[in-house]
PDB file of all heavy atoms in Angstrom:
ATOM      1  N   GLU A   1      93.162  84.957  92.461  1.00  0.00           N
ATOM      2  CA  GLU A   1      92.706  83.898  93.369  1.00  0.00           C
ATOM      3  C   GLU A   1      92.417  82.620  92.601  1.00  0.00           C
ATOM      4  O   GLU A   1      92.696  81.513  93.082  1.00  0.00           O
ATOM      5  CB  GLU A   1      91.471  84.371  94.134  1.00  0.00           C
ATOM      6  CG  GLU A   1      91.750  85.513  95.101  1.00  0.00           C
ATOM      7  CD  GLU A   1      90.493  86.037  95.777  1.00  0.00           C
ATOM      8  OE1 GLU A   1      89.500  86.318  95.062  1.00  0.00           O
ATOM      9  OE2 GLU A   1      90.491  86.150  97.012  1.00  0.00           O
ATOM     10  N   HIS A   2      91.829  82.747  91.410  1.00  0.00           N
ATOM     11  CA  HIS A   2      91.608  81.569  90.563  1.00  0.00           C
ATOM     12  C   HIS A   2      92.929  80.930  90.169  1.00  0.00           C
ATOM     13  O   HIS A   2      93.027  79.704  90.059  1.00  0.00           O
ATOM     14  CB  HIS A   2      90.834  81.969  89.304  1.00  0.00           C
ATOM     15  CG  HIS A   2      89.383  82.241  89.533  1.00  0.00           C
ATOM     16  ND1 HIS A   2      88.473  81.244  89.801  1.00  0.00           N
ATOM     17  CD2 HIS A   2      88.683  83.405  89.526  1.00  0.00           C
ATOM     18  CE1 HIS A   2      87.272  81.778  89.955  1.00  0.00           C
ATOM     19  NE2 HIS A   2      87.374  83.081  89.787  1.00  0.00           N
ATOM     20  N   ALA A   3      93.926  81.759  89.937  1.00  0.00           N
ATOM     21  CA  ALA A   3      95.220  81.240  89.495  1.00  0.00           C
ATOM     22  C   ALA A   3      96.065  80.730  90.655  1.00  0.00           C
ATOM     23  O   ALA A   3      97.154  80.194  90.431  1.00  0.00           O
ATOM     24  CB  ALA A   3      95.981  82.338  88.744  1.00  0.00           C
ATOM     25  N   GLY A   4      95.573  80.891  91.876  1.00  0.00           N
ATOM     26  CA  GLY A   4      96.330  80.447  93.040  1.00  0.00           C
ATOM     27  C   GLY A   4      97.571  81.279  93.303  1.00  0.00           C
ATOM     28  O   GLY A   4      98.563  80.783  93.827  1.00  0.00           O
ATOM     29  N   GLU A   5      97.511  82.555  92.940  1.00  0.00           N
ATOM     30  CA  GLU A   5      98.651  83.438  93.096  1.00  0.00           C
ATOM     31  C   GLU A   5      98.375  84.496  94.159  1.00  0.00           C
ATOM     32  O   GLU A   5      97.223  84.817  94.455  1.00  0.00           O
ATOM     33  CB  GLU A   5      98.977  84.141  91.769  1.00  0.00           C
ATOM     34  CG  GLU A   5      99.281  83.191  90.621  1.00  0.00           C
ATOM     35  CD  GLU A   5      99.407  83.932  89.305  1.00  0.00           C
ATOM     36  OE1 GLU A   5      99.060  85.141  89.275  1.00  0.00           O
ATOM     37  OE2 GLU A   5      99.828  83.308  88.316  1.00  0.00           O
ATOM     38  N   ALA A   6      99.426  85.053  94.697  1.00  0.00           N
ATOM     39  CA  ALA A   6      99.285  86.206  95.588  1.00  0.00           C
ATOM     40  C   ALA A   6      98.999  87.440  94.731  1.00  0.00           C
ATOM     41  O   ALA A   6      99.461  87.533  93.588  1.00  0.00           O
ATOM     42  CB  ALA A   6     100.564  86.406  96.394  1.00  0.00           C
ATOM     43  N   PRO A   7      98.240  88.394  95.251  1.00  0.00           N
ATOM     44  CA  PRO A   7      97.976  89.611  94.462  1.00  0.00           C
ATOM     45  C   PRO A   7      99.271  90.356  94.186  1.00  0.00           C
ATOM     46  O   PRO A   7     100.136  90.438  95.061  1.00  0.00           O
ATOM     47  CB  PRO A   7      97.038  90.418  95.365  1.00  0.00           C
ATOM     48  CG  PRO A   7      97.249  89.885  96.740  1.00  0.00           C
ATOM     49  CD  PRO A   7      97.604  88.438  96.575  1.00  0.00           C
ATOM     50  N   PRO A   8      99.417  90.908  93.000  1.00  0.00           N
ATOM     51  CA  PRO A   8     100.648  91.646  92.666  1.00  0.00           C
ATOM     52  C   PRO A   8     100.650  93.071  93.196  1.00  0.00           C
ATOM     53  O   PRO A   8     101.482  93.877  92.791  1.00  0.00           O
ATOM     54  CB  PRO A   8     100.644  91.619  91.130  1.00  0.00           C
ATOM     55  CG  PRO A   8      99.198  91.605  90.769  1.00  0.00           C
ATOM     56  CD  PRO A   8      98.515  90.789  91.847  1.00  0.00           C
ATOM     57  N   PHE A   9      99.705  93.388  94.058  1.00  0.00           N
ATOM     58  CA  PHE A   9      99.613  94.727  94.638  1.00  0.00           C
ATOM     59  C   PHE A   9      99.227  94.606  96.111  1.00  0.00           C
ATOM     60  O   PHE A   9      98.721  93.576  96.557  1.00  0.00           O
ATOM     61  CB  PHE A   9      98.576  95.578  93.901  1.00  0.00           C
ATOM     62  CG  PHE A   9      97.224  94.919  93.779  1.00  0.00           C
ATOM     63  CD1 PHE A   9      96.310  94.936  94.827  1.00  0.00           C
ATOM     64  CD2 PHE A   9      96.862  94.270  92.611  1.00  0.00           C
ATOM     65  CE1 PHE A   9      95.073  94.317  94.722  1.00  0.00           C
ATOM     66  CE2 PHE A   9      95.627  93.648  92.490  1.00  0.00           C
ATOM     67  CZ  PHE A   9      94.736  93.674  93.547  1.00  0.00           C
ATOM     68  N   ASP A  10      99.468  95.650  96.877  1.00  0.00           N
ATOM     69  CA  ASP A  10      99.016  95.714  98.262  1.00  0.00           C
ATOM     70  C   ASP A  10      97.591  96.249  98.295  1.00  0.00           C
ATOM     71  O   ASP A  10      97.205  97.079  97.464  1.00  0.00           O
ATOM     72  CB  ASP A  10      99.912  96.635  99.091  1.00  0.00           C
ATOM     73  CG  ASP A  10     101.244  95.990  99.412  1.00  0.00           C
ATOM     74  OD1 ASP A  10     101.324  94.748  99.376  1.00  0.00           O
ATOM     75  OD2 ASP A  10     102.203  96.728  99.691  1.00  0.00           O
ATOM     76  N   SER A  11      96.815  95.784  99.261  1.00  0.00           N
ATOM     77  CA  SER A  11      95.430  96.237  99.406  1.00  0.00           C
ATOM     78  C   SER A  11      95.219  96.760 100.814  1.00  0.00           C
ATOM     79  O   SER A  11      95.642  96.136 101.792  1.00  0.00           O
ATOM     80  CB  SER A  11      94.457  95.081  99.129  1.00  0.00           C
ATOM     81  OG  SER A  11      93.126  95.529  99.206  1.00  0.00           O
ATOM     82  N   ILE A  12      94.564  97.915 100.917  1.00  0.00           N
ATOM     83  CA  ILE A  12      94.244  98.532 102.200  1.00  0.00           C
ATOM     84  C   ILE A  12      92.738  98.723 102.270  1.00  0.00           C
ATOM     85  O   ILE A  12      92.130  99.293 101.356  1.00  0.00           O
ATOM     86  CB  ILE A  12      94.956  99.886 102.371  1.00  0.00           C
ATOM     87  CG1 ILE A  12      96.471  99.687 102.418  1.00  0.00           C
ATOM     88  CG2 ILE A  12      94.493 100.593 103.644  1.00  0.00           C
ATOM     89  CD1 ILE A  12      97.246 100.986 102.565  1.00  0.00           C
ATOM     90  N   GLY A  13      92.120  98.247 103.353  1.00  0.00           N
ATOM     91  CA  GLY A  13      90.699  98.458 103.557  1.00  0.00           C
ATOM     92  C   GLY A  13      90.428  99.805 104.197  1.00  0.00           C
ATOM     93  O   GLY A  13      91.330 100.410 104.790  1.00  0.00           O
ATOM     94  N   PRO A  14      89.200 100.301 104.095  1.00  0.00           N
ATOM     95  CA  PRO A  14      88.874 101.619 104.643  1.00  0.00           C
ATOM     96  C   PRO A  14      88.569 101.609 106.129  1.00  0.00           C
ATOM     97  O   PRO A  14      88.251 102.648 106.701  1.00  0.00           O
ATOM     98  CB  PRO A  14      87.628 102.007 103.841  1.00  0.00           C
ATOM     99  CG  PRO A  14      86.949 100.695 103.578  1.00  0.00           C
ATOM    100  CD  PRO A  14      88.060  99.679 103.401  1.00  0.00           C
ATOM    101  N   GLU A  15      88.661 100.446 106.788  1.00  0.00           N
ATOM    102  CA  GLU A  15      88.201 100.326 108.163  1.00  0.00           C
ATOM    103  C   GLU A  15      89.079 101.081 109.159  1.00  0.00           C
ATOM    104  O   GLU A  15      88.674 101.316 110.300  1.00  0.00           O
ATOM    105  CB  GLU A  15      88.140  98.847 108.566  1.00  0.00           C
ATOM    106  CG  GLU A  15      87.145  98.024 107.760  1.00  0.00           C
ATOM    107  CD  GLU A  15      87.690  97.606 106.388  1.00  0.00           C
ATOM    108  OE1 GLU A  15      88.915  97.774 106.162  1.00  0.00           O
ATOM    109  OE2 GLU A  15      86.903  97.154 105.545  1.00  0.00           O
ATOM    110  N   GLY A  16      90.282 101.469 108.743  1.00  0.00           N
ATOM    111  CA  GLY A  16      91.199 102.118 109.674  1.00  0.00           C
ATOM    112  C   GLY A  16      90.943 103.581 109.924  1.00  0.00           C
ATOM    113  O   GLY A  16      91.683 104.208 110.682  1.00  0.00           O
ATOM    114  N   GLY A  17      89.916 104.169 109.288  1.00  0.00           N
ATOM    115  CA  GLY A  17      89.593 105.564 109.508  1.00  0.00           C
ATOM    116  C   GLY A  17      90.713 106.491 109.045  1.00  0.00           C
ATOM    117  O   GLY A  17      91.354 106.267 108.015  1.00  0.00           O
ATOM    118  N   PRO A  18      91.005 107.557 109.804  1.00  0.00           N
ATOM    119  CA  PRO A  18      92.027 108.536 109.391  1.00  0.00           C
ATOM    120  C   PRO A  18      93.411 107.933 109.200  1.00  0.00           C
ATOM    121  O   PRO A  18      94.219 108.470 108.434  1.00  0.00           O
ATOM    122  CB  PRO A  18      92.025 109.542 110.549  1.00  0.00           C
ATOM    123  CG  PRO A  18      90.678 109.420 111.170  1.00  0.00           C
ATOM    124  CD  PRO A  18      90.295 107.973 111.027  1.00  0.00           C
ATOM    125  N   LEU A  19      93.709 106.827 109.869  1.00  0.00           N
ATOM    126  CA  LEU A  19      95.021 106.202 109.705  1.00  0.00           C
ATOM    127  C   LEU A  19      95.229 105.690 108.291  1.00  0.00           C
ATOM    128  O   LEU A  19      96.367 105.530 107.840  1.00  0.00           O
ATOM    129  CB  LEU A  19      95.178 105.057 110.704  1.00  0.00           C
ATOM    130  CG  LEU A  19      95.241 105.460 112.187  1.00  0.00           C
ATOM    131  CD1 LEU A  19      95.359 104.219 113.061  1.00  0.00           C
ATOM    132  CD2 LEU A  19      96.404 106.409 112.429  1.00  0.00           C
ATOM    133  N   VAL A  20      94.125 105.413 107.581  1.00  0.00           N
ATOM    134  CA  VAL A  20      94.242 104.969 106.196  1.00  0.00           C
ATOM    135  C   VAL A  20      94.892 106.061 105.350  1.00  0.00           C
ATOM    136  O   VAL A  20      95.797 105.799 104.540  1.00  0.00           O
ATOM    137  CB  VAL A  20      92.857 104.600 105.631  1.00  0.00           C
ATOM    138  CG1 VAL A  20      92.943 104.336 104.128  1.00  0.00           C
ATOM    139  CG2 VAL A  20      92.304 103.378 106.345  1.00  0.00           C
ATOM    140  N   ALA A  21      94.438 107.308 105.523  1.00  0.00           N
ATOM    141  CA  ALA A  21      95.011 108.419 104.762  1.00  0.00           C
ATOM    142  C   ALA A  21      96.493 108.588 105.076  1.00  0.00           C
ATOM    143  O   ALA A  21      97.306 108.869 104.178  1.00  0.00           O
ATOM    144  CB  ALA A  21      94.251 109.708 105.063  1.00  0.00           C
ATOM    145  N   VAL A  22      96.865 108.413 106.336  1.00  0.00           N
ATOM    146  CA  VAL A  22      98.268 108.539 106.723  1.00  0.00           C
ATOM    147  C   VAL A  22      99.124 107.489 106.014  1.00  0.00           C
ATOM    148  O   VAL A  22     100.202 107.785 105.480  1.00  0.00           O
ATOM    149  CB  VAL A  22      98.418 108.408 108.251  1.00  0.00           C
ATOM    150  CG1 VAL A  22      99.890 108.387 108.648  1.00  0.00           C
ATOM    151  CG2 VAL A  22      97.687 109.546 108.961  1.00  0.00           C
ATOM    152  N   GLU A  23      98.628 106.254 105.981  1.00  0.00           N
ATOM    153  CA  GLU A  23      99.377 105.181 105.329  1.00  0.00           C
ATOM    154  C   GLU A  23      99.481 105.420 103.824  1.00  0.00           C
ATOM    155  O   GLU A  23     100.543 105.174 103.211  1.00  0.00           O
ATOM    156  CB  GLU A  23      98.714 103.834 105.604  1.00  0.00           C
ATOM    157  CG  GLU A  23      99.414 102.643 104.989  1.00  0.00           C
ATOM    158  CD  GLU A  23     100.849 102.483 105.457  1.00  0.00           C
ATOM    159  OE1 GLU A  23     101.147 102.868 106.609  1.00  0.00           O
ATOM    160  OE2 GLU A  23     101.674 101.957 104.679  1.00  0.00           O
ATOM    161  N   LEU A  24      98.401 105.898 103.211  1.00  0.00           N
ATOM    162  CA  LEU A  24      98.443 106.164 101.772  1.00  0.00           C
ATOM    163  C   LEU A  24      99.430 107.292 101.456  1.00  0.00           C
ATOM    164  O   LEU A  24     100.130 107.231 100.431  1.00  0.00           O
ATOM    165  CB  LEU A  24      97.042 106.517 101.271  1.00  0.00           C
ATOM    166  CG  LEU A  24      96.008 105.380 101.320  1.00  0.00           C
ATOM    167  CD1 LEU A  24      94.653 105.883 100.861  1.00  0.00           C
ATOM    168  CD2 LEU A  24      96.445 104.201 100.465  1.00  0.00           C
ATOM    169  N   MET A  25      99.492 108.311 102.311  1.00  0.00           N
ATOM    170  CA  MET A  25     100.461 109.386 102.093  1.00  0.00           C
ATOM    171  C   MET A  25     101.892 108.857 102.157  1.00  0.00           C
ATOM    172  O   MET A  25     102.748 109.252 101.359  1.00  0.00           O
ATOM    173  CB  MET A  25     100.256 110.501 103.122  1.00  0.00           C
ATOM    174  CG  MET A  25      99.091 111.414 102.805  1.00  0.00           C
ATOM    175  SD  MET A  25      99.074 112.918 103.809  1.00  0.00           S
ATOM    176  CE  MET A  25      98.664 112.235 105.418  1.00  0.00           C
ATOM    177  N   LYS A  26     102.143 107.941 103.086  1.00  0.00           N
ATOM    178  CA  LYS A  26     103.477 107.352 103.181  1.00  0.00           C
ATOM    179  C   LYS A  26     103.851 106.650 101.882  1.00  0.00           C
ATOM    180  O   LYS A  26     104.986 106.762 101.397  1.00  0.00           O
ATOM    181  CB  LYS A  26     103.532 106.361 104.342  1.00  0.00           C
ATOM    182  CG  LYS A  26     103.465 106.987 105.729  1.00  0.00           C
ATOM    183  CD  LYS A  26     103.514 105.898 106.802  1.00  0.00           C
ATOM    184  CE  LYS A  26     103.437 106.492 108.201  1.00  0.00           C
ATOM    185  NZ  LYS A  26     103.439 105.419 109.248  1.00  0.00           N
ATOM    186  N   ARG A  27     102.919 105.947 101.326  1.00  0.00           N
ATOM    187  CA  ARG A  27     103.212 105.183 100.104  1.00  0.00           C
ATOM    188  C   ARG A  27     103.398 106.094  98.896  1.00  0.00           C
ATOM    189  O   ARG A  27     104.218 105.817  98.023  1.00  0.00           O
ATOM    190  CB  ARG A  27     102.110 104.147  99.867  1.00  0.00           C
ATOM    191  CG  ARG A  27     102.034 103.170 101.046  1.00  0.00           C
ATOM    192  CD  ARG A  27     101.120 102.014 100.816  1.00  0.00           C
ATOM    193  NE  ARG A  27     101.088 101.161 102.002  1.00  0.00           N
ATOM    194  CZ  ARG A  27     100.919  99.853 101.980  1.00  0.00           C
ATOM    195  NH1 ARG A  27     100.769  99.225 100.826  1.00  0.00           N
ATOM    196  NH2 ARG A  27     100.910  99.156 103.100  1.00  0.00           N
ATOM    197  N   LEU A  28     102.635 107.169  98.845  1.00  0.00           N
ATOM    198  CA  LEU A  28     102.837 108.132  97.769  1.00  0.00           C
ATOM    199  C   LEU A  28     104.214 108.767  97.871  1.00  0.00           C
ATOM    200  O   LEU A  28     104.901 108.961  96.854  1.00  0.00           O
ATOM    201  CB  LEU A  28     101.740 109.206  97.820  1.00  0.00           C
ATOM    202  CG  LEU A  28     100.352 108.760  97.374  1.00  0.00           C
ATOM    203  CD1 LEU A  28      99.320 109.827  97.722  1.00  0.00           C
ATOM    204  CD2 LEU A  28     100.319 108.457  95.873  1.00  0.00           C
ATOM    205  N   ARG A  29     104.629 109.088  99.088  1.00  0.00           N
ATOM    206  CA  ARG A  29     105.940 109.716  99.267  1.00  0.00           C
ATOM    207  C   ARG A  29     107.082 108.763  98.940  1.00  0.00           C
ATOM    208  O   ARG A  29     108.218 109.198  98.719  1.00  0.00           O
ATOM    209  CB  ARG A  29     106.048 110.262 100.683  1.00  0.00           C
ATOM    210  CG  ARG A  29     105.219 111.528 100.875  1.00  0.00           C
ATOM    211  CD  ARG A  29     105.097 111.959 102.300  1.00  0.00           C
ATOM    212  NE  ARG A  29     104.347 113.211 102.392  1.00  0.00           N
ATOM    213  CZ  ARG A  29     103.630 113.594 103.444  1.00  0.00           C
ATOM    214  NH1 ARG A  29     103.551 112.788 104.506  1.00  0.00           N
ATOM    215  NH2 ARG A  29     102.994 114.740 103.438  1.00  0.00           N
ATOM    216  N   ARG A  30     106.775 107.464  98.908  1.00  0.00           N
ATOM    217  CA  ARG A  30     107.774 106.486  98.477  1.00  0.00           C
ATOM    218  C   ARG A  30     107.723 106.255  96.966  1.00  0.00           C
ATOM    219  O   ARG A  30     108.409 105.377  96.445  1.00  0.00           O
ATOM    220  CB  ARG A  30     107.572 105.161  99.220  1.00  0.00           C
ATOM    221  CG  ARG A  30     107.867 105.244 100.705  1.00  0.00           C
ATOM    222  CD  ARG A  30     108.116 103.866 101.305  1.00  0.00           C
ATOM    223  NE  ARG A  30     106.934 103.023 101.289  1.00  0.00           N
ATOM    224  CZ  ARG A  30     106.113 102.859 102.331  1.00  0.00           C
ATOM    225  NH1 ARG A  30     106.336 103.537 103.457  1.00  0.00           N
ATOM    226  NH2 ARG A  30     105.078 102.055 102.259  1.00  0.00           N
ATOM    227  N   GLY A  31     106.889 107.020  96.287  1.00  0.00           N
ATOM    228  CA  GLY A  31     106.835 106.949  94.828  1.00  0.00           C
ATOM    229  C   GLY A  31     105.918 105.882  94.273  1.00  0.00           C
ATOM    230  O   GLY A  31     106.034 105.517  93.099  1.00  0.00           O
ATOM    231  N   GLN A  32     104.976 105.379  95.063  1.00  0.00           N
ATOM    232  CA  GLN A  32     104.099 104.306  94.606  1.00  0.00           C
ATOM    233  C   GLN A  32     102.891 104.851  93.836  1.00  0.00           C
ATOM    234  O   GLN A  32     102.578 106.048  93.863  1.00  0.00           O
ATOM    235  CB  GLN A  32     103.609 103.497  95.802  1.00  0.00           C
ATOM    236  CG  GLN A  32     104.688 102.738  96.536  1.00  0.00           C
ATOM    237  CD  GLN A  32     104.120 101.759  97.545  1.00  0.00           C
ATOM    238  OE1 GLN A  32     102.935 101.455  97.546  1.00  0.00           O
ATOM    239  NE2 GLN A  32     104.983 101.247  98.409  1.00  0.00           N
ATOM    240  N   LEU A  33     102.215 103.914  93.159  1.00  0.00           N
ATOM    241  CA  LEU A  33     100.898 104.196  92.581  1.00  0.00           C
ATOM    242  C   LEU A  33      99.843 103.806  93.618  1.00  0.00           C
ATOM    243  O   LEU A  33      99.880 102.694  94.151  1.00  0.00           O
ATOM    244  CB  LEU A  33     100.664 103.391  91.303  1.00  0.00           C
ATOM    245  CG  LEU A  33     101.659 103.533  90.156  1.00  0.00           C
ATOM    246  CD1 LEU A  33     101.174 102.745  88.943  1.00  0.00           C
ATOM    247  CD2 LEU A  33     101.865 104.985  89.795  1.00  0.00           C
ATOM    248  N   VAL A  34      98.908 104.706  93.880  1.00  0.00           N
ATOM    249  CA  VAL A  34      97.808 104.426  94.804  1.00  0.00           C
ATOM    250  C   VAL A  34      96.508 104.476  94.011  1.00  0.00           C
ATOM    251  O   VAL A  34      96.161 105.509  93.433  1.00  0.00           O
ATOM    252  CB  VAL A  34      97.771 105.439  95.967  1.00  0.00           C
ATOM    253  CG1 VAL A  34      96.487 105.274  96.778  1.00  0.00           C
ATOM    254  CG2 VAL A  34      98.993 105.264  96.863  1.00  0.00           C
ATOM    255  N   CYS A  35      95.810 103.336  93.939  1.00  0.00           N
ATOM    256  CA  CYS A  35      94.571 103.230  93.170  1.00  0.00           C
ATOM    257  C   CYS A  35      93.366 103.447  94.087  1.00  0.00           C
ATOM    258  O   CYS A  35      93.252 102.802  95.133  1.00  0.00           O
ATOM    259  CB  CYS A  35      94.465 101.861  92.507  1.00  0.00           C
ATOM    260  SG  CYS A  35      95.753 101.533  91.289  1.00  0.00           S
ATOM    261  N   MET A  36      92.468 104.321  93.651  1.00  0.00           N
ATOM    262  CA  MET A  36      91.278 104.640  94.434  1.00  0.00           C
ATOM    263  C   MET A  36      90.088 104.785  93.500  1.00  0.00           C
ATOM    264  O   MET A  36      90.239 104.906  92.288  1.00  0.00           O
ATOM    265  CB  MET A  36      91.485 105.943  95.221  1.00  0.00           C
ATOM    266  CG  MET A  36      92.720 105.957  96.090  1.00  0.00           C
ATOM    267  SD  MET A  36      92.999 107.562  96.856  1.00  0.00           S
ATOM    268  CE  MET A  36      91.546 107.669  97.915  1.00  0.00           C
ATOM    269  N   MET A  37      88.890 104.787  94.103  1.00  0.00           N
ATOM    270  CA  MET A  37      87.669 105.003  93.346  1.00  0.00           C
ATOM    271  C   MET A  37      87.126 106.407  93.620  1.00  0.00           C
ATOM    272  O   MET A  37      87.053 106.838  94.770  1.00  0.00           O
ATOM    273  CB  MET A  37      86.615 103.961  93.721  1.00  0.00           C
ATOM    274  CG  MET A  37      86.939 102.577  93.199  1.00  0.00           C
ATOM    275  SD  MET A  37      86.924 102.561  91.396  1.00  0.00           S
ATOM    276  CE  MET A  37      87.480 100.897  91.085  1.00  0.00           C
TER     277      MET A  37
END
């Protein structure tokens, strides 16, 4: 944000409830890295 650039990664908020897990599974099945805490 300081550099005025778009983030080089996609971000998903937790507000979507169970649909969040569904979307993350889709991305894993596409071979992506999913970062979590």
